[in-house]
Amino acid sequence: MDILQVKDRFSASIEASRGLKSGFLIGTTWDFECYDKDGNLKWEERNRPNIVTNEGLNHLLNVVFHGTTAFSPWYIGAVESNTTAAATMTYATPVFTEWDGYTEAVRQEFVEAAASGQSITNSANKAAFTSNETMTLYGAALFSYATMLDTAHAGAVLFCYSKFDTGKAVDSGDTFKVTCTITAAHV
């Protein structure tokens, strides 16, 4: 057995595993479908990315870790302006123009199933808008409040926004359907 002598030197080092990562990513993907008055598919946009707003991320953190009251339900609204997504968008200043040319009285409820596989979606109950005009749409957003065109509801949140590559036409009598899937993943 070796014993260290006073005159001997000893050194050691610990190296952390470079393979371990700490963090998570939250994002959404969107699917859009437009059906004519006879139920025929006119066009679709699948797996559209989005921007989760800073306001949305702060709300998520505040609800989970700070005890802020959660909103329930959430609502999907459609967008009629060709507006690039930005993290700085807010409910009070969304920058885009919301579409109100549909027969339903309010934004459509985001009716989601319980989270599974680190995602939550309304794919079993898509938000549906019945157009009462001819319009070019550019995307959709997830809001915490039901009233369309509203930007003044105190404390309301714009969680995220998704934009098409190019505008898509809807005609009077068409049904515009929206699916939003929110996903959390380890990074």
Foldseek 3Di string as FASTA:
>chain_A
DDDDDPPDDDDDDDDDDPPDDDDKDKFKFKKKWKAALVRHTPDIDGRFGWAFAPQQVVVVCCVVPVVDDDFPWKFKWFFQDQDDHDNPAWLLRNVTATDDQFDDQWGFTFDWDDDDPQKIKSVVPWGKTQGQAKGWTFWMWIKRDIHPPDSPDPPITTGMITTDPDTDIDGHSMMMTMMMMMGMGGD
